């Protein structure tokens, strides 16, 4: 479980997050949605500690992450996996080396133990034969799957995903969504996904938080969203659907 209580965050005097309180459950796919500039990315980065909040508290289970010093935050970050928008693989390293990197940095495992774990993770994301490939040799979907393998190699308790379907075609996006959802259930992870993809919302959105102009404007499940009596949410859903339809017609 990850919980935010009364989070306020400002940049240069402008309030970006306004008194946000929300709880993200374990073993669930928790999605943060909202227009560009709404504050959803700032919320995600605040939860993971990339932004320091001005006030309020962030809890990882029963531990108040906000009040920890660097040393104790580092201990929690070993339990955190992160999937960045572009995959963020190291270009000069092979897929196996990219996936192994967290083990090199944070464990004292033997090389044999590390390679065994890397093999398990690549097999889990269906990249069994990609060990020696470089990022430039991968498709967009393969890059995202390699990023997922790296994110889970440390057996994380918490998984953060920043626009995991960005730049992917609809069919590959479904594969990535299902993979993240399956891994969340399989390992009982607290997964938080920042997305604007309504397909992801409707496919795997067990808990959805809609951020509007820095405020938590609505929360519910994928089953609730189409019946929601919330003008701003309805406008966002409609605009997202129209944008996707236009993009597909161009293709």
C-alpha atoms as a PDB file:
ATOM      1  CA  UNK A   1       0.000   0.000   0.000  1.00  0.00           C
ATOM      2  CA  UNK A   2       1.113   3.550  -0.762  1.00  0.00           C
ATOM      3  CA  UNK A   3      -0.790   6.431   0.766  1.00  0.00           C
ATOM      4  CA  UNK A   4      -0.604  10.186   0.262  1.00  0.00           C
ATOM      5  CA  UNK A   5      -2.075  12.501   2.890  1.00  0.00           C
ATOM      6  CA  UNK A   6      -2.762  16.186   2.187  1.00  0.00           C
ATOM      7  CA  UNK A   7       0.021  16.532  -0.367  1.00  0.00           C
ATOM      8  CA  UNK A   8       0.826  20.074  -1.518  1.00  0.00           C
ATOM      9  CA  UNK A   9       3.513  20.808  -4.091  1.00  0.00           C
ATOM     10  CA  UNK A  10       4.346  24.145  -5.700  1.00  0.00           C
ATOM     11  CA  UNK A  11       6.856  25.367  -8.255  1.00  0.00           C
ATOM     12  CA  UNK A  12       7.881  29.039  -8.276  1.00  0.00           C
ATOM     13  CA  UNK A  13       4.808  30.008  -6.295  1.00  0.00           C
ATOM     14  CA  UNK A  14       2.351  28.049  -8.461  1.00  0.00           C
ATOM     15  CA  UNK A  15       0.486  25.239  -6.699  1.00  0.00           C
ATOM     16  CA  UNK A  16       0.688  22.079  -8.810  1.00  0.00           C
ATOM     17  CA  UNK A  17      -0.749  19.613  -6.283  1.00  0.00           C
ATOM     18  CA  UNK A  18      -3.442  20.945  -3.989  1.00  0.00           C
ATOM     19  CA  UNK A  19      -4.084  18.973  -0.781  1.00  0.00           C
ATOM     20  CA  UNK A  20      -4.230  15.541  -2.413  1.00  0.00           C
ATOM     21  CA  UNK A  21      -5.058  12.505  -0.295  1.00  0.00           C
ATOM     22  CA  UNK A  22      -5.292   9.072  -1.916  1.00  0.00           C
ATOM     23  CA  UNK A  23      -4.497   5.440  -1.160  1.00  0.00           C
ATOM     24  CA  UNK A  24      -3.148   2.911  -3.672  1.00  0.00           C
ATOM     25  CA  UNK A  25      -3.834  -0.726  -2.846  1.00  0.00           C
ATOM     26  CA  UNK A  26      -1.467  -3.692  -2.947  1.00  0.00           C
ATOM     27  CA  UNK A  27      -1.967  -6.276  -5.686  1.00  0.00           C
ATOM     28  CA  UNK A  28      -3.926  -3.786  -7.785  1.00  0.00           C
ATOM     29  CA  UNK A  29      -3.260  -1.733 -10.889  1.00  0.00           C
ATOM     30  CA  UNK A  30      -3.696   1.864  -9.703  1.00  0.00           C
ATOM     31  CA  UNK A  31      -3.903   4.417 -12.521  1.00  0.00           C
ATOM     32  CA  UNK A  32      -3.391   8.185 -12.373  1.00  0.00           C
ATOM     33  CA  UNK A  33      -5.019  10.013 -15.287  1.00  0.00           C
ATOM     34  CA  UNK A  34      -5.478  13.628 -16.306  1.00  0.00           C
ATOM     35  CA  UNK A  35      -4.732  16.161 -19.010  1.00  0.00           C
ATOM     36  CA  UNK A  36      -1.194  17.332 -19.757  1.00  0.00           C
ATOM     37  CA  UNK A  37      -0.233  19.840 -17.077  1.00  0.00           C
ATOM     38  CA  UNK A  38      -2.852  18.593 -14.625  1.00  0.00           C
ATOM     39  CA  UNK A  39      -0.262  17.484 -12.077  1.00  0.00           C
ATOM     40  CA  UNK A  40      -0.424  13.711 -12.556  1.00  0.00           C
ATOM     41  CA  UNK A  41       3.272  13.356 -13.410  1.00  0.00           C
ATOM     42  CA  UNK A  42       4.252  15.573 -10.467  1.00  0.00           C
ATOM     43  CA  UNK A  43       2.125  13.355  -8.213  1.00  0.00           C
ATOM     44  CA  UNK A  44       3.842  10.203  -9.468  1.00  0.00           C
ATOM     45  CA  UNK A  45       7.304  11.750  -9.034  1.00  0.00           C
ATOM     46  CA  UNK A  46       6.372  12.983  -5.563  1.00  0.00           C
ATOM     47  CA  UNK A  47       5.228   9.523  -4.525  1.00  0.00           C
ATOM     48  CA  UNK A  48       8.501   7.959  -5.637  1.00  0.00           C
ATOM     49  CA  UNK A  49      10.568  10.729  -4.045  1.00  0.00           C
ATOM     50  CA  UNK A  50      11.850  12.444  -7.189  1.00  0.00           C
ATOM     51  CA  UNK A  51      10.081  15.611  -5.998  1.00  0.00           C
ATOM     52  CA  UNK A  52      10.027  16.742  -2.374  1.00  0.00           C
ATOM     53  CA  UNK A  53       6.535  17.823  -1.327  1.00  0.00           C
ATOM     54  CA  UNK A  54       5.955  21.155   0.403  1.00  0.00           C
ATOM     55  CA  UNK A  55       3.653  19.610   2.979  1.00  0.00           C
ATOM     56  CA  UNK A  56       1.760  16.411   3.624  1.00  0.00           C
ATOM     57  CA  UNK A  57       2.939  12.844   4.121  1.00  0.00           C
ATOM     58  CA  UNK A  58       3.602   9.820   1.913  1.00  0.00           C
ATOM     59  CA  UNK A  59       3.463   6.339   3.417  1.00  0.00           C
ATOM     60  CA  UNK A  60       4.875   3.077   2.091  1.00  0.00           C
ATOM     61  CA  UNK A  61       2.766   0.619   4.043  1.00  0.00           C
ATOM     62  CA  UNK A  62       3.287   1.780   7.657  1.00  0.00           C
ATOM     63  CA  UNK A  63       6.492   3.759   7.017  1.00  0.00           C
ATOM     64  CA  UNK A  64       6.304   7.534   6.563  1.00  0.00           C
ATOM     65  CA  UNK A  65       8.561   7.950   3.536  1.00  0.00           C
ATOM     66  CA  UNK A  66       8.370  11.762   3.640  1.00  0.00           C
ATOM     67  CA  UNK A  67      10.218  12.033   6.954  1.00  0.00           C
ATOM     68  CA  UNK A  68      13.018   9.559   6.210  1.00  0.00           C
ATOM     69  CA  UNK A  69      16.601  10.653   5.643  1.00  0.00           C
ATOM     70  CA  UNK A  70      18.575   9.611   2.555  1.00  0.00           C
ATOM     71  CA  UNK A  71      19.934   6.419   4.117  1.00  0.00           C
ATOM     72  CA  UNK A  72      16.513   5.079   5.123  1.00  0.00           C
ATOM     73  CA  UNK A  73      14.898   6.147   1.850  1.00  0.00           C
ATOM     74  CA  UNK A  74      17.572   4.182   0.008  1.00  0.00           C
ATOM     75  CA  UNK A  75      16.525   1.055   1.901  1.00  0.00           C
ATOM     76  CA  UNK A  76      12.930   1.485   0.712  1.00  0.00           C
ATOM     77  CA  UNK A  77      14.006   2.292  -2.845  1.00  0.00           C
ATOM     78  CA  UNK A  78      15.491  -1.204  -3.078  1.00  0.00           C
ATOM     79  CA  UNK A  79      11.873  -2.372  -2.973  1.00  0.00           C
ATOM     80  CA  UNK A  80      10.843   0.009  -5.790  1.00  0.00           C
ATOM     81  CA  UNK A  81      10.756  -0.792  -9.507  1.00  0.00           C
ATOM     82  CA  UNK A  82      10.420   1.985 -12.082  1.00  0.00           C
ATOM     83  CA  UNK A  83       9.365   1.840 -15.736  1.00  0.00           C
ATOM     84  CA  UNK A  84      10.220   5.098 -17.473  1.00  0.00           C
ATOM     85  CA  UNK A  85       8.310   6.531 -20.416  1.00  0.00           C
ATOM     86  CA  UNK A  86      10.959   5.780 -23.043  1.00  0.00           C
ATOM     87  CA  UNK A  87      12.224   2.596 -21.411  1.00  0.00           C
ATOM     88  CA  UNK A  88      15.501   4.342 -20.379  1.00  0.00           C
ATOM     89  CA  UNK A  89      17.699   1.416 -21.377  1.00  0.00           C
ATOM     90  CA  UNK A  90      21.441   2.040 -21.594  1.00  0.00           C
ATOM     91  CA  UNK A  91      22.299   2.119 -25.302  1.00  0.00           C
ATOM     92  CA  UNK A  92      25.809   0.722 -24.873  1.00  0.00           C
ATOM     93  CA  UNK A  93      24.641  -2.265 -22.805  1.00  0.00           C
ATOM     94  CA  UNK A  94      22.932  -5.460 -23.907  1.00  0.00           C
ATOM     95  CA  UNK A  95      19.444  -6.364 -22.749  1.00  0.00           C
ATOM     96  CA  UNK A  96      20.882  -8.765 -20.174  1.00  0.00           C
ATOM     97  CA  UNK A  97      23.303  -6.120 -18.882  1.00  0.00           C
ATOM     98  CA  UNK A  98      20.482  -3.582 -18.599  1.00  0.00           C
ATOM     99  CA  UNK A  99      18.316  -5.981 -16.618  1.00  0.00           C
ATOM    100  CA  UNK A 100      21.243  -6.995 -14.397  1.00  0.00           C
ATOM    101  CA  UNK A 101      22.178  -3.397 -13.525  1.00  0.00           C
ATOM    102  CA  UNK A 102      20.047  -3.104 -10.321  1.00  0.00           C
ATOM    103  CA  UNK A 103      21.535  -6.373  -9.060  1.00  0.00           C
ATOM    104  CA  UNK A 104      25.042  -5.015  -9.701  1.00  0.00           C
ATOM    105  CA  UNK A 105      24.235  -1.810  -7.841  1.00  0.00           C
ATOM    106  CA  UNK A 106      22.246  -3.058  -4.871  1.00  0.00           C
ATOM    107  CA  UNK A 107      23.165  -6.691  -4.148  1.00  0.00           C
ATOM    108  CA  UNK A 108      26.226  -8.761  -3.355  1.00  0.00           C
ATOM    109  CA  UNK A 109      24.958 -11.778  -5.271  1.00  0.00           C
ATOM    110  CA  UNK A 110      27.388 -13.887  -7.245  1.00  0.00           C
ATOM    111  CA  UNK A 111      27.507 -13.458 -11.006  1.00  0.00           C
ATOM    112  CA  UNK A 112      25.864 -16.845 -11.406  1.00  0.00           C
ATOM    113  CA  UNK A 113      22.981 -15.840  -9.124  1.00  0.00           C
ATOM    114  CA  UNK A 114      22.529 -12.568 -10.998  1.00  0.00           C
ATOM    115  CA  UNK A 115      22.436 -14.245 -14.392  1.00  0.00           C
ATOM    116  CA  UNK A 116      19.930 -16.803 -13.149  1.00  0.00           C
ATOM    117  CA  UNK A 117      17.644 -13.994 -11.961  1.00  0.00           C
ATOM    118  CA  UNK A 118      18.087 -12.101 -15.240  1.00  0.00           C
ATOM    119  CA  UNK A 119      17.164 -15.234 -17.185  1.00  0.00           C
ATOM    120  CA  UNK A 120      14.031 -15.698 -15.073  1.00  0.00           C
ATOM    121  CA  UNK A 121      12.911 -12.092 -15.608  1.00  0.00           C
ATOM    122  CA  UNK A 122      13.550 -12.102 -19.357  1.00  0.00           C
ATOM    123  CA  UNK A 123      11.643 -15.359 -19.646  1.00  0.00           C
ATOM    124  CA  UNK A 124       8.770 -13.805 -17.699  1.00  0.00           C
ATOM    125  CA  UNK A 125       8.445 -10.974 -20.239  1.00  0.00           C
ATOM    126  CA  UNK A 126       8.930 -13.286 -23.248  1.00  0.00           C
ATOM    127  CA  UNK A 127      12.402 -12.044 -24.179  1.00  0.00           C
ATOM    128  CA  UNK A 128      14.174 -15.390 -23.800  1.00  0.00           C
ATOM    129  CA  UNK A 129      16.316 -14.882 -26.900  1.00  0.00           C
ATOM    130  CA  UNK A 130      17.152 -11.198 -26.487  1.00  0.00           C
ATOM    131  CA  UNK A 131      19.972 -11.395 -23.934  1.00  0.00           C
ATOM    132  CA  UNK A 132      22.732 -10.233 -26.274  1.00  0.00           C
ATOM    133  CA  UNK A 133      20.758  -7.680 -28.274  1.00  0.00           C
ATOM    134  CA  UNK A 134      21.285  -3.943 -27.860  1.00  0.00           C
ATOM    135  CA  UNK A 135      18.433  -1.434 -27.453  1.00  0.00           C
ATOM    136  CA  UNK A 136      18.928  -0.207 -31.035  1.00  0.00           C
ATOM    137  CA  UNK A 137      18.060  -3.716 -32.235  1.00  0.00           C
ATOM    138  CA  UNK A 138      14.754  -3.855 -30.340  1.00  0.00           C
ATOM    139  CA  UNK A 139      11.234  -2.846 -31.308  1.00  0.00           C
ATOM    140  CA  UNK A 140       9.324  -0.396 -29.112  1.00  0.00           C
ATOM    141  CA  UNK A 141       7.422  -3.229 -27.467  1.00  0.00           C
ATOM    142  CA  UNK A 142      10.595  -5.186 -26.775  1.00  0.00           C
ATOM    143  CA  UNK A 143      12.184  -2.115 -25.177  1.00  0.00           C
ATOM    144  CA  UNK A 144       9.214  -1.778 -22.823  1.00  0.00           C
ATOM    145  CA  UNK A 145       9.336  -5.484 -21.969  1.00  0.00           C
ATOM    146  CA  UNK A 146      13.057  -5.244 -21.237  1.00  0.00           C
ATOM    147  CA  UNK A 147      12.320  -2.232 -19.021  1.00  0.00           C
ATOM    148  CA  UNK A 148       9.695  -4.275 -17.163  1.00  0.00           C
ATOM    149  CA  UNK A 149      12.198  -7.105 -16.669  1.00  0.00           C
ATOM    150  CA  UNK A 150      14.702  -4.631 -15.190  1.00  0.00           C
ATOM    151  CA  UNK A 151      11.990  -3.136 -12.970  1.00  0.00           C
ATOM    152  CA  UNK A 152      11.081  -6.516 -11.432  1.00  0.00           C
ATOM    153  CA  UNK A 153      14.579  -8.021 -11.185  1.00  0.00           C
ATOM    154  CA  UNK A 154      14.872  -6.956  -7.517  1.00  0.00           C
ATOM    155  CA  UNK A 155      11.478  -8.467  -6.627  1.00  0.00           C
ATOM    156  CA  UNK A 156       9.979  -5.041  -5.866  1.00  0.00           C
ATOM    157  CA  UNK A 157       7.062  -4.452  -3.532  1.00  0.00           C
ATOM    158  CA  UNK A 158       6.179  -1.228  -5.348  1.00  0.00           C
ATOM    159  CA  UNK A 159       6.131  -0.578  -9.098  1.00  0.00           C
ATOM    160  CA  UNK A 160       5.849   2.850 -10.735  1.00  0.00           C
ATOM    161  CA  UNK A 161       5.099   3.149 -14.457  1.00  0.00           C
ATOM    162  CA  UNK A 162       5.333   6.467 -16.307  1.00  0.00           C
ATOM    163  CA  UNK A 163       3.303   6.299 -19.547  1.00  0.00           C
ATOM    164  CA  UNK A 164       4.322   2.670 -20.250  1.00  0.00           C
ATOM    165  CA  UNK A 165       2.401   2.612 -23.563  1.00  0.00           C
ATOM    166  CA  UNK A 166       3.805   5.845 -24.953  1.00  0.00           C
ATOM    167  CA  UNK A 167       4.747   5.421 -28.622  1.00  0.00           C
ATOM    168  CA  UNK A 168       3.316   1.913 -28.939  1.00  0.00           C
ATOM    169  CA  UNK A 169       0.670   0.666 -31.343  1.00  0.00           C
ATOM    170  CA  UNK A 170      -2.676  -0.435 -29.821  1.00  0.00           C
ATOM    171  CA  UNK A 171      -1.958  -4.166 -30.046  1.00  0.00           C
ATOM    172  CA  UNK A 172       1.444  -3.865 -28.368  1.00  0.00           C
ATOM    173  CA  UNK A 173      -0.076  -1.558 -25.746  1.00  0.00           C
ATOM    174  CA  UNK A 174      -2.528  -4.303 -24.784  1.00  0.00           C
ATOM    175  CA  UNK A 175       0.369  -6.762 -24.407  1.00  0.00           C
ATOM    176  CA  UNK A 176       2.217  -4.347 -22.097  1.00  0.00           C
ATOM    177  CA  UNK A 177      -0.948  -3.592 -20.084  1.00  0.00           C
ATOM    178  CA  UNK A 178      -1.668  -7.270 -19.551  1.00  0.00           C
ATOM    179  CA  UNK A 179       1.946  -7.987 -18.644  1.00  0.00           C
ATOM    180  CA  UNK A 180       2.007  -5.244 -15.991  1.00  0.00           C
ATOM    181  CA  UNK A 181      -1.365  -6.389 -14.635  1.00  0.00           C
ATOM    182  CA  UNK A 182      -0.307 -10.050 -14.499  1.00  0.00           C
ATOM    183  CA  UNK A 183       2.980  -9.226 -12.758  1.00  0.00           C
ATOM    184  CA  UNK A 184       1.128  -7.049 -10.243  1.00  0.00           C
ATOM    185  CA  UNK A 185      -1.102  -9.968  -9.286  1.00  0.00           C
ATOM    186  CA  UNK A 186       1.615 -12.601  -9.479  1.00  0.00           C
ATOM    187  CA  UNK A 187       4.003 -10.796  -7.124  1.00  0.00           C
ATOM    188  CA  UNK A 188       1.353  -8.894  -5.113  1.00  0.00           C
ATOM    189  CA  UNK A 189       2.921  -5.514  -5.969  1.00  0.00           C
ATOM    190  CA  UNK A 190       1.537  -2.048  -5.327  1.00  0.00           C
ATOM    191  CA  UNK A 191       1.542  -0.762  -8.918  1.00  0.00           C
ATOM    192  CA  UNK A 192       0.936   2.893  -9.824  1.00  0.00           C
ATOM    193  CA  UNK A 193       0.642   3.836 -13.508  1.00  0.00           C
ATOM    194  CA  UNK A 194       0.633   7.357 -14.901  1.00  0.00           C
ATOM    195  CA  UNK A 195      -1.227   7.233 -18.232  1.00  0.00           C
ATOM    196  CA  UNK A 196      -3.432   9.060 -20.708  1.00  0.00           C
ATOM    197  CA  UNK A 197      -4.341   5.851 -22.568  1.00  0.00           C
ATOM    198  CA  UNK A 198      -8.062   5.181 -22.142  1.00  0.00           C
ATOM    199  CA  UNK A 199      -7.589   1.614 -23.371  1.00  0.00           C
ATOM    200  CA  UNK A 200      -5.357   1.014 -20.359  1.00  0.00           C
ATOM    201  CA  UNK A 201      -7.967   2.617 -18.108  1.00  0.00           C
ATOM    202  CA  UNK A 202     -10.754   0.381 -19.403  1.00  0.00           C
ATOM    203  CA  UNK A 203      -8.652  -2.786 -19.554  1.00  0.00           C
ATOM    204  CA  UNK A 204      -6.732  -2.800 -16.273  1.00  0.00           C
ATOM    205  CA  UNK A 205      -7.985   0.173 -14.213  1.00  0.00           C
ATOM    206  CA  UNK A 206      -8.850  -1.354 -10.850  1.00  0.00           C
ATOM    207  CA  UNK A 207      -8.288   1.969  -9.065  1.00  0.00           C
ATOM    208  CA  UNK A 208      -8.364   5.188 -11.114  1.00  0.00           C
ATOM    209  CA  UNK A 209      -7.513   8.641  -9.804  1.00  0.00           C
ATOM    210  CA  UNK A 210      -8.386  11.622 -12.011  1.00  0.00           C
ATOM    211  CA  UNK A 211      -6.292  14.736 -11.409  1.00  0.00           C
ATOM    212  CA  UNK A 212      -7.744  18.053 -12.576  1.00  0.00           C
ATOM    213  CA  UNK A 213      -5.825  21.319 -12.216  1.00  0.00           C
ATOM    214  CA  UNK A 214      -3.812  19.915  -9.330  1.00  0.00           C
ATOM    215  CA  UNK A 215      -6.803  18.507  -7.440  1.00  0.00           C
ATOM    216  CA  UNK A 216      -7.998  14.954  -6.939  1.00  0.00           C
ATOM    217  CA  UNK A 217     -11.237  15.369  -8.867  1.00  0.00           C
ATOM    218  CA  UNK A 218     -12.552  11.800  -8.999  1.00  0.00           C
ATOM    219  CA  UNK A 219     -11.610   8.258  -8.062  1.00  0.00           C
ATOM    220  CA  UNK A 220     -13.182   4.909  -8.818  1.00  0.00           C
ATOM    221  CA  UNK A 221     -12.777   1.792 -10.957  1.00  0.00           C
ATOM    222  CA  UNK A 222     -13.037   1.138 -14.691  1.00  0.00           C
ATOM    223  CA  UNK A 223     -16.600  -0.047 -14.049  1.00  0.00           C
ATOM    224  CA  UNK A 224     -17.503   3.321 -12.519  1.00  0.00           C
ATOM    225  CA  UNK A 225     -15.870   5.695 -14.960  1.00  0.00           C
ATOM    226  CA  UNK A 226     -18.417   5.663 -17.793  1.00  0.00           C
ATOM    227  CA  UNK A 227     -21.278   6.314 -15.351  1.00  0.00           C
ATOM    228  CA  UNK A 228     -19.440   9.033 -13.442  1.00  0.00           C
ATOM    229  CA  UNK A 229     -21.351  12.261 -12.847  1.00  0.00           C
ATOM    230  CA  UNK A 230     -18.289  14.449 -13.316  1.00  0.00           C
ATOM    231  CA  UNK A 231     -18.159  16.919 -16.202  1.00  0.00           C
ATOM    232  CA  UNK A 232     -14.390  17.366 -16.273  1.00  0.00           C
ATOM    233  CA  UNK A 233     -13.814  13.604 -16.186  1.00  0.00           C
ATOM    234  CA  UNK A 234     -16.383  13.036 -18.916  1.00  0.00           C
ATOM    235  CA  UNK A 235     -14.769  15.723 -21.057  1.00  0.00           C
ATOM    236  CA  UNK A 236     -11.369  14.094 -20.562  1.00  0.00           C
ATOM    237  CA  UNK A 237     -12.650  10.630 -21.497  1.00  0.00           C
ATOM    238  CA  UNK A 238     -14.432  11.982 -24.592  1.00  0.00           C
ATOM    239  CA  UNK A 239     -11.410  14.029 -25.715  1.00  0.00           C
ATOM    240  CA  UNK A 240      -9.090  11.057 -25.226  1.00  0.00           C
ATOM    241  CA  UNK A 241     -11.350   8.811 -27.278  1.00  0.00           C
ATOM    242  CA  UNK A 242     -11.618  11.371 -30.085  1.00  0.00           C
ATOM    243  CA  UNK A 243      -7.845  11.928 -30.148  1.00  0.00           C
ATOM    244  CA  UNK A 244      -7.217   8.212 -30.412  1.00  0.00           C
ATOM    245  CA  UNK A 245      -9.784   7.834 -33.195  1.00  0.00           C
ATOM    246  CA  UNK A 246      -8.177  10.693 -35.135  1.00  0.00           C
ATOM    247  CA  UNK A 247      -4.721   9.171 -34.741  1.00  0.00           C
ATOM    248  CA  UNK A 248      -5.940   5.804 -36.010  1.00  0.00           C
ATOM    249  CA  UNK A 249      -7.660   7.383 -39.049  1.00  0.00           C
ATOM    250  CA  UNK A 250      -4.374   9.096 -39.994  1.00  0.00           C
ATOM    251  CA  UNK A 251      -2.594   5.744 -39.897  1.00  0.00           C
END
